[in-house]
Amino acid sequence: MYNILEKNAEVERVVFEDSDPVKGFVLLPDLKWNQKQMENMYLVAICHARGIKSLRDLNQSHLPLLKNILIKGQVTILVVLTL
């Protein structure tokens, strides 16, 4: 995971990146998706904040991060679908 965030691995698979250290994230296709059938699209968001290891670590202070992922993720998906 850290190799992806530091651009040492899977750089060519990154669909979108917001480099903000607090609200930023990397969006890339999940291995479940064959990248051909758009109706089966799976994307994974990996946040730049190092203190978050799982969903259980999230609290109210992470709402700006989650809203950023939601908004920018939706825009990215719309762009991908129109290509």
PDB file of N, CA and C in Angstrom:
ATOM      1  N   MET A   1       0.817  -1.179   0.000  1.00  0.00           N
ATOM      2  CA  MET A   1       0.000   0.000   0.000  1.00  0.00           C
ATOM      3  C   MET A   1       0.872   1.258   0.000  1.00  0.00           C
ATOM      4  N   TYR A   2       1.897   1.279   0.840  1.00  0.00           N
ATOM      5  CA  TYR A   2       2.760   2.460   0.888  1.00  0.00           C
ATOM      6  C   TYR A   2       3.536   2.630  -0.408  1.00  0.00           C
ATOM      7  N   ASN A   3       3.877   1.527  -1.077  1.00  0.00           N
ATOM      8  CA  ASN A   3       4.559   1.630  -2.366  1.00  0.00           C
ATOM      9  C   ASN A   3       3.682   2.322  -3.400  1.00  0.00           C
ATOM     10  N   ILE A   4       2.386   2.085  -3.356  1.00  0.00           N
ATOM     11  CA  ILE A   4       1.460   2.759  -4.269  1.00  0.00           C
ATOM     12  C   ILE A   4       1.422   4.253  -3.946  1.00  0.00           C
ATOM     13  N   LEU A   5       1.309   4.596  -2.681  1.00  0.00           N
ATOM     14  CA  LEU A   5       1.253   6.006  -2.282  1.00  0.00           C
ATOM     15  C   LEU A   5       2.547   6.749  -2.598  1.00  0.00           C
ATOM     16  N   GLU A   6       3.673   6.059  -2.517  1.00  0.00           N
ATOM     17  CA  GLU A   6       4.970   6.684  -2.791  1.00  0.00           C
ATOM     18  C   GLU A   6       5.376   6.562  -4.261  1.00  0.00           C
ATOM     19  N   LYS A   7       4.463   6.050  -5.084  1.00  0.00           N
ATOM     20  CA  LYS A   7       4.668   5.899  -6.533  1.00  0.00           C
ATOM     21  C   LYS A   7       5.817   4.961  -6.881  1.00  0.00           C
ATOM     22  N   ASN A   8       5.998   3.923  -6.077  1.00  0.00           N
ATOM     23  CA  ASN A   8       7.006   2.904  -6.346  1.00  0.00           C
ATOM     24  C   ASN A   8       6.393   1.657  -6.972  1.00  0.00           C
ATOM     25  N   ALA A   9       5.062   1.587  -7.009  1.00  0.00           N
ATOM     26  CA  ALA A   9       4.382   0.413  -7.561  1.00  0.00           C
ATOM     27  C   ALA A   9       3.049   0.834  -8.161  1.00  0.00           C
ATOM     28  N   GLU A  10       2.637   0.146  -9.188  1.00  0.00           N
ATOM     29  CA  GLU A  10       1.325   0.295  -9.824  1.00  0.00           C
ATOM     30  C   GLU A  10       1.012   1.721 -10.263  1.00  0.00           C
ATOM     31  N   VAL A  11       2.012   2.476 -10.633  1.00  0.00           N
ATOM     32  CA  VAL A  11       1.831   3.862 -11.054  1.00  0.00           C
ATOM     33  C   VAL A  11       0.933   3.950 -12.280  1.00  0.00           C
ATOM     34  N   GLU A  12       1.075   3.001 -13.190  1.00  0.00           N
ATOM     35  CA  GLU A  12       0.299   3.017 -14.434  1.00  0.00           C
ATOM     36  C   GLU A  12      -1.179   2.706 -14.208  1.00  0.00           C
ATOM     37  N   ARG A  13      -1.530   2.151 -13.078  1.00  0.00           N
ATOM     38  CA  ARG A  13      -2.925   1.786 -12.784  1.00  0.00           C
ATOM     39  C   ARG A  13      -3.702   2.894 -12.079  1.00  0.00           C
ATOM     40  N   VAL A  14      -3.028   3.925 -11.608  1.00  0.00           N
ATOM     41  CA  VAL A  14      -3.692   4.998 -10.857  1.00  0.00           C
ATOM     42  C   VAL A  14      -4.654   5.742 -11.778  1.00  0.00           C
ATOM     43  N   VAL A  15      -5.903   5.825 -11.359  1.00  0.00           N
ATOM     44  CA  VAL A  15      -6.943   6.507 -12.123  1.00  0.00           C
ATOM     45  C   VAL A  15      -6.988   7.983 -11.740  1.00  0.00           C
ATOM     46  N   PHE A  16      -6.794   8.269 -10.449  1.00  0.00           N
ATOM     47  CA  PHE A  16      -6.844   9.641  -9.946  1.00  0.00           C
ATOM     48  C   PHE A  16      -6.015   9.729  -8.676  1.00  0.00           C
ATOM     49  N   GLU A  17      -5.409  10.910  -8.462  1.00  0.00           N
ATOM     50  CA  GLU A  17      -4.702  11.137  -7.202  1.00  0.00           C
ATOM     51  C   GLU A  17      -4.915  12.565  -6.744  1.00  0.00           C
ATOM     52  N   ASP A  18      -5.253  12.711  -5.481  1.00  0.00           N
ATOM     53  CA  ASP A  18      -5.295  13.988  -4.793  1.00  0.00           C
ATOM     54  C   ASP A  18      -4.152  13.922  -3.787  1.00  0.00           C
ATOM     55  N   SER A  19      -3.150  14.746  -3.958  1.00  0.00           N
ATOM     56  CA  SER A  19      -1.930  14.622  -3.153  1.00  0.00           C
ATOM     57  C   SER A  19      -1.980  15.364  -1.818  1.00  0.00           C
ATOM     58  N   ASP A  20      -3.102  15.915  -1.444  1.00  0.00           N
ATOM     59  CA  ASP A  20      -3.231  16.581  -0.152  1.00  0.00           C
ATOM     60  C   ASP A  20      -2.884  15.594   0.966  1.00  0.00           C
ATOM     61  N   PRO A  21      -1.994  15.966   1.906  1.00  0.00           N
ATOM     62  CA  PRO A  21      -1.586  15.016   2.954  1.00  0.00           C
ATOM     63  C   PRO A  21      -2.677  14.658   3.950  1.00  0.00           C
ATOM     64  N   VAL A  22      -3.705  15.487   4.091  1.00  0.00           N
ATOM     65  CA  VAL A  22      -4.778  15.217   5.051  1.00  0.00           C
ATOM     66  C   VAL A  22      -6.006  14.628   4.369  1.00  0.00           C
ATOM     67  N   LYS A  23      -6.454  15.248   3.273  1.00  0.00           N
ATOM     68  CA  LYS A  23      -7.678  14.819   2.600  1.00  0.00           C
ATOM     69  C   LYS A  23      -7.406  14.055   1.305  1.00  0.00           C
ATOM     70  N   GLY A  24      -6.142  13.845   0.973  1.00  0.00           N
ATOM     71  CA  GLY A  24      -5.792  13.234  -0.298  1.00  0.00           C
ATOM     72  C   GLY A  24      -5.897  11.724  -0.319  1.00  0.00           C
ATOM     73  N   PHE A  25      -5.975  11.201  -1.544  1.00  0.00           N
ATOM     74  CA  PHE A  25      -6.115   9.765  -1.726  1.00  0.00           C
ATOM     75  C   PHE A  25      -5.688   9.384  -3.142  1.00  0.00           C
ATOM     76  N   VAL A  26      -5.503   8.092  -3.344  1.00  0.00           N
ATOM     77  CA  VAL A  26      -5.210   7.535  -4.658  1.00  0.00           C
ATOM     78  C   VAL A  26      -6.368   6.615  -5.011  1.00  0.00           C
ATOM     79  N   LEU A  27      -6.849   6.723  -6.237  1.00  0.00           N
ATOM     80  CA  LEU A  27      -7.944   5.893  -6.714  1.00  0.00           C
ATOM     81  C   LEU A  27      -7.411   4.994  -7.813  1.00  0.00           C
ATOM     82  N   LEU A  28      -7.552   3.672  -7.630  1.00  0.00           N
ATOM     83  CA  LEU A  28      -7.083   2.727  -8.634  1.00  0.00           C
ATOM     84  C   LEU A  28      -8.025   1.545  -8.744  1.00  0.00           C
ATOM     85  N   PRO A  29      -8.003   0.863  -9.893  1.00  0.00           N
ATOM     86  CA  PRO A  29      -8.907  -0.274 -10.083  1.00  0.00           C
ATOM     87  C   PRO A  29      -8.580  -1.433  -9.152  1.00  0.00           C
ATOM     88  N   ASP A  30      -9.610  -2.059  -8.632  1.00  0.00           N
ATOM     89  CA  ASP A  30      -9.461  -3.261  -7.827  1.00  0.00           C
ATOM     90  C   ASP A  30      -9.133  -4.428  -8.755  1.00  0.00           C
ATOM     91  N   LEU A  31      -8.479  -5.430  -8.233  1.00  0.00           N
ATOM     92  CA  LEU A  31      -8.122  -6.595  -9.044  1.00  0.00           C
ATOM     93  C   LEU A  31      -9.339  -7.386  -9.503  1.00  0.00           C
ATOM     94  N   LYS A  32     -10.508  -7.213  -8.838  1.00  0.00           N
ATOM     95  CA  LYS A  32     -11.736  -7.903  -9.238  1.00  0.00           C
ATOM     96  C   LYS A  32     -12.238  -7.436 -10.600  1.00  0.00           C
ATOM     97  N   TRP A  33     -11.922  -6.192 -10.963  1.00  0.00           N
ATOM     98  CA  TRP A  33     -12.453  -5.600 -12.179  1.00  0.00           C
ATOM     99  C   TRP A  33     -11.558  -5.930 -13.362  1.00  0.00           C
ATOM    100  N   ASN A  34     -12.155  -6.407 -14.447  1.00  0.00           N
ATOM    101  CA  ASN A  34     -11.371  -6.761 -15.634  1.00  0.00           C
ATOM    102  C   ASN A  34     -11.048  -5.554 -16.500  1.00  0.00           C
ATOM    103  N   GLN A  35     -11.487  -4.374 -16.129  1.00  0.00           N
ATOM    104  CA  GLN A  35     -11.258  -3.100 -16.803  1.00  0.00           C
ATOM    105  C   GLN A  35     -11.848  -3.060 -18.207  1.00  0.00           C
ATOM    106  N   LYS A  36     -12.823  -3.917 -18.469  1.00  0.00           N
ATOM    107  CA  LYS A  36     -13.495  -3.919 -19.764  1.00  0.00           C
ATOM    108  C   LYS A  36     -14.980  -3.627 -19.598  1.00  0.00           C
ATOM    109  N   GLN A  37     -15.625  -4.297 -18.667  1.00  0.00           N
ATOM    110  CA  GLN A  37     -17.057  -4.120 -18.454  1.00  0.00           C
ATOM    111  C   GLN A  37     -17.284  -3.011 -17.429  1.00  0.00           C
ATOM    112  N   MET A  38     -17.749  -1.874 -17.917  1.00  0.00           N
ATOM    113  CA  MET A  38     -17.907  -0.719 -17.048  1.00  0.00           C
ATOM    114  C   MET A  38     -18.966  -0.943 -15.963  1.00  0.00           C
ATOM    115  N   GLU A  39     -19.957  -1.801 -16.232  1.00  0.00           N
ATOM    116  CA  GLU A  39     -20.991  -2.040 -15.222  1.00  0.00           C
ATOM    117  C   GLU A  39     -20.450  -2.839 -14.033  1.00  0.00           C
ATOM    118  N   ASN A  40     -19.285  -3.436 -14.171  1.00  0.00           N
ATOM    119  CA  ASN A  40     -18.665  -4.197 -13.082  1.00  0.00           C
ATOM    120  C   ASN A  40     -17.455  -3.470 -12.487  1.00  0.00           C
ATOM    121  N   MET A  41     -17.394  -2.155 -12.668  1.00  0.00           N
ATOM    122  CA  MET A  41     -16.223  -1.387 -12.237  1.00  0.00           C
ATOM    123  C   MET A  41     -16.068  -1.407 -10.712  1.00  0.00           C
ATOM    124  N   TYR A  42     -14.886  -1.724 -10.256  1.00  0.00           N
ATOM    125  CA  TYR A  42     -14.511  -1.668  -8.847  1.00  0.00           C
ATOM    126  C   TYR A  42     -13.289  -0.778  -8.739  1.00  0.00           C
ATOM    127  N   LEU A  43     -13.351   0.243  -7.905  1.00  0.00           N
ATOM    128  CA  LEU A  43     -12.207   1.113  -7.659  1.00  0.00           C
ATOM    129  C   LEU A  43     -11.919   1.123  -6.167  1.00  0.00           C
ATOM    130  N   VAL A  44     -10.650   1.283  -5.830  1.00  0.00           N
ATOM    131  CA  VAL A  44     -10.217   1.314  -4.435  1.00  0.00           C
ATOM    132  C   VAL A  44      -9.606   2.680  -4.157  1.00  0.00           C
ATOM    133  N   ALA A  45      -9.980   3.283  -3.043  1.00  0.00           N
ATOM    134  CA  ALA A  45      -9.393   4.548  -2.603  1.00  0.00           C
ATOM    135  C   ALA A  45      -8.447   4.257  -1.443  1.00  0.00           C
ATOM    136  N   ILE A  46      -7.205   4.677  -1.606  1.00  0.00           N
ATOM    137  CA  ILE A  46      -6.200   4.536  -0.543  1.00  0.00           C
ATOM    138  C   ILE A  46      -5.826   5.947  -0.100  1.00  0.00           C
ATOM    139  N   CYS A  47      -6.064   6.265   1.167  1.00  0.00           N
ATOM    140  CA  CYS A  47      -5.820   7.629   1.639  1.00  0.00           C
ATOM    141  C   CYS A  47      -4.350   7.842   1.982  1.00  0.00           C
ATOM    142  N   HIS A  48      -3.934   9.096   1.840  1.00  0.00           N
ATOM    143  CA  HIS A  48      -2.546   9.463   2.145  1.00  0.00           C
ATOM    144  C   HIS A  48      -2.289   9.551   3.657  1.00  0.00           C
ATOM    145  N   ALA A  49      -3.322   9.725   4.445  1.00  0.00           N
ATOM    146  CA  ALA A  49      -3.158   9.815   5.900  1.00  0.00           C
ATOM    147  C   ALA A  49      -2.661   8.466   6.429  1.00  0.00           C
ATOM    148  N   ARG A  50      -1.487   8.444   7.001  1.00  0.00           N
ATOM    149  CA  ARG A  50      -0.851   7.194   7.430  1.00  0.00           C
ATOM    150  C   ARG A  50      -1.461   6.575   8.681  1.00  0.00           C
ATOM    151  N   GLY A  51      -2.202   7.318   9.450  1.00  0.00           N
ATOM    152  CA  GLY A  51      -2.751   6.784  10.687  1.00  0.00           C
ATOM    153  C   GLY A  51      -3.981   5.906  10.501  1.00  0.00           C
ATOM    154  N   ILE A  52      -4.517   5.868   9.295  1.00  0.00           N
ATOM    155  CA  ILE A  52      -5.731   5.098   9.038  1.00  0.00           C
ATOM    156  C   ILE A  52      -5.346   3.738   8.462  1.00  0.00           C
ATOM    157  N   LYS A  53      -5.615   2.690   9.202  1.00  0.00           N
ATOM    158  CA  LYS A  53      -5.271   1.337   8.757  1.00  0.00           C
ATOM    159  C   LYS A  53      -6.504   0.558   8.301  1.00  0.00           C
ATOM    160  N   SER A  54      -7.684   0.904   8.869  1.00  0.00           N
ATOM    161  CA  SER A  54      -8.921   0.214   8.503  1.00  0.00           C
ATOM    162  C   SER A  54     -10.095   1.145   8.765  1.00  0.00           C
ATOM    163  N   LEU A  55     -11.278   0.693   8.390  1.00  0.00           N
ATOM    164  CA  LEU A  55     -12.487   1.485   8.639  1.00  0.00           C
ATOM    165  C   LEU A  55     -12.702   1.753  10.120  1.00  0.00           C
ATOM    166  N   ARG A  56     -12.237   0.878  10.956  1.00  0.00           N
ATOM    167  CA  ARG A  56     -12.409   1.051  12.410  1.00  0.00           C
ATOM    168  C   ARG A  56     -11.635   2.240  12.953  1.00  0.00           C
ATOM    169  N   ASP A  57     -10.628   2.691  12.224  1.00  0.00           N
ATOM    170  CA  ASP A  57      -9.839   3.839  12.661  1.00  0.00           C
ATOM    171  C   ASP A  57     -10.525   5.167  12.358  1.00  0.00           C
ATOM    172  N   LEU A  58     -11.556   5.149  11.532  1.00  0.00           N
ATOM    173  CA  LEU A  58     -12.223   6.389  11.137  1.00  0.00           C
ATOM    174  C   LEU A  58     -13.077   6.941  12.267  1.00  0.00           C
ATOM    175  N   ASN A  59     -13.083   8.269  12.357  1.00  0.00           N
ATOM    176  CA  ASN A  59     -13.939   8.953  13.322  1.00  0.00           C
ATOM    177  C   ASN A  59     -14.429  10.251  12.690  1.00  0.00           C
ATOM    178  N   GLN A  60     -15.074  11.073  13.460  1.00  0.00           N
ATOM    179  CA  GLN A  60     -15.669  12.306  12.941  1.00  0.00           C
ATOM    180  C   GLN A  60     -14.635  13.235  12.311  1.00  0.00           C
ATOM    181  N   SER A  61     -13.416  13.205  12.770  1.00  0.00           N
ATOM    182  CA  SER A  61     -12.383  14.084  12.213  1.00  0.00           C
ATOM    183  C   SER A  61     -12.020  13.716  10.772  1.00  0.00           C
ATOM    184  N   HIS A  62     -12.403  12.526  10.327  1.00  0.00           N
ATOM    185  CA  HIS A  62     -12.093  12.080   8.971  1.00  0.00           C
ATOM    186  C   HIS A  62     -13.193  12.410   7.957  1.00  0.00           C
ATOM    187  N   LEU A  63     -14.242  13.101   8.396  1.00  0.00           N
ATOM    188  CA  LEU A  63     -15.337  13.450   7.485  1.00  0.00           C
ATOM    189  C   LEU A  63     -14.864  14.261   6.271  1.00  0.00           C
ATOM    190  N   PRO A  64     -13.957  15.244   6.421  1.00  0.00           N
ATOM    191  CA  PRO A  64     -13.481  15.957   5.230  1.00  0.00           C
ATOM    192  C   PRO A  64     -12.782  15.022   4.226  1.00  0.00           C
ATOM    193  N   LEU A  65     -12.034  14.058   4.716  1.00  0.00           N
ATOM    194  CA  LEU A  65     -11.390  13.072   3.846  1.00  0.00           C
ATOM    195  C   LEU A  65     -12.440  12.250   3.110  1.00  0.00           C
ATOM    196  N   LEU A  66     -13.437  11.745   3.835  1.00  0.00           N
ATOM    197  CA  LEU A  66     -14.473  10.913   3.227  1.00  0.00           C
ATOM    198  C   LEU A  66     -15.298  11.691   2.208  1.00  0.00           C
ATOM    199  N   LYS A  67     -15.611  12.954   2.519  1.00  0.00           N
ATOM    200  CA  LYS A  67     -16.350  13.782   1.562  1.00  0.00           C
ATOM    201  C   LYS A  67     -15.519  14.053   0.321  1.00  0.00           C
ATOM    202  N   ASN A  68     -14.222  14.265   0.494  1.00  0.00           N
ATOM    203  CA  ASN A  68     -13.317  14.482  -0.637  1.00  0.00           C
ATOM    204  C   ASN A  68     -13.270  13.246  -1.534  1.00  0.00           C
ATOM    205  N   ILE A  69     -13.177  12.069  -0.937  1.00  0.00           N
ATOM    206  CA  ILE A  69     -13.170  10.823  -1.711  1.00  0.00           C
ATOM    207  C   ILE A  69     -14.495  10.669  -2.461  1.00  0.00           C
ATOM    208  N   LEU A  70     -15.598  10.956  -1.797  1.00  0.00           N
ATOM    209  CA  LEU A  70     -16.913  10.830  -2.426  1.00  0.00           C
ATOM    210  C   LEU A  70     -17.036  11.755  -3.635  1.00  0.00           C
ATOM    211  N   ILE A  71     -16.756  13.026  -3.438  1.00  0.00           N
ATOM    212  CA  ILE A  71     -16.955  14.011  -4.500  1.00  0.00           C
ATOM    213  C   ILE A  71     -15.984  13.791  -5.659  1.00  0.00           C
ATOM    214  N   LYS A  72     -14.700  13.707  -5.359  1.00  0.00           N
ATOM    215  CA  LYS A  72     -13.711  13.550  -6.434  1.00  0.00           C
ATOM    216  C   LYS A  72     -13.778  12.162  -7.056  1.00  0.00           C
ATOM    217  N   GLY A  73     -14.168  11.179  -6.275  1.00  0.00           N
ATOM    218  CA  GLY A  73     -14.343   9.832  -6.813  1.00  0.00           C
ATOM    219  C   GLY A  73     -15.487   9.778  -7.800  1.00  0.00           C
ATOM    220  N   GLN A  74     -16.606  10.428  -7.460  1.00  0.00           N
ATOM    221  CA  GLN A  74     -17.757  10.456  -8.370  1.00  0.00           C
ATOM    222  C   GLN A  74     -17.414  11.171  -9.672  1.00  0.00           C
ATOM    223  N   VAL A  75     -16.714  12.293  -9.584  1.00  0.00           N
ATOM    224  CA  VAL A  75     -16.315  13.026 -10.790  1.00  0.00           C
ATOM    225  C   VAL A  75     -15.400  12.169 -11.652  1.00  0.00           C
ATOM    226  N   THR A  76     -14.447  11.489 -11.031  1.00  0.00           N
ATOM    227  CA  THR A  76     -13.521  10.624 -11.769  1.00  0.00           C
ATOM    228  C   THR A  76     -14.264   9.487 -12.456  1.00  0.00           C
ATOM    229  N   ILE A  77     -15.215   8.885 -11.769  1.00  0.00           N
ATOM    230  CA  ILE A  77     -15.989   7.790 -12.360  1.00  0.00           C
ATOM    231  C   ILE A  77     -16.786   8.294 -13.561  1.00  0.00           C
ATOM    232  N   LEU A  78     -17.374   9.478 -13.447  1.00  0.00           N
ATOM    233  CA  LEU A  78     -18.120  10.042 -14.582  1.00  0.00           C
ATOM    234  C   LEU A  78     -17.214  10.282 -15.776  1.00  0.00           C
ATOM    235  N   VAL A  79     -15.999  10.748 -15.526  1.00  0.00           N
ATOM    236  CA  VAL A  79     -15.045  10.972 -16.606  1.00  0.00           C
ATOM    237  C   VAL A  79     -14.646   9.650 -17.245  1.00  0.00           C
ATOM    238  N   VAL A  80     -14.381   8.635 -16.435  1.00  0.00           N
ATOM    239  CA  VAL A  80     -14.004   7.320 -16.950  1.00  0.00           C
ATOM    240  C   VAL A  80     -15.133   6.725 -17.783  1.00  0.00           C
ATOM    241  N   LEU A  81     -16.372   6.882 -17.340  1.00  0.00           N
ATOM    242  CA  LEU A  81     -17.506   6.329 -18.061  1.00  0.00           C
ATOM    243  C   LEU A  81     -17.748   7.012 -19.413  1.00  0.00           C
ATOM    244  N   THR A  82     -17.338   8.275 -19.524  1.00  0.00           N
ATOM    245  CA  THR A  82     -17.544   8.981 -20.780  1.00  0.00           C
ATOM    246  C   THR A  82     -16.433   8.743 -21.788  1.00  0.00           C
ATOM    247  N   LEU A  83     -15.360   8.108 -21.387  1.00  0.00           N
ATOM    248  CA  LEU A  83     -14.252   7.832 -22.327  1.00  0.00           C
ATOM    249  C   LEU A  83     -14.573   6.695 -23.261  1.00  0.00           C
TER     250      LEU A  83
END
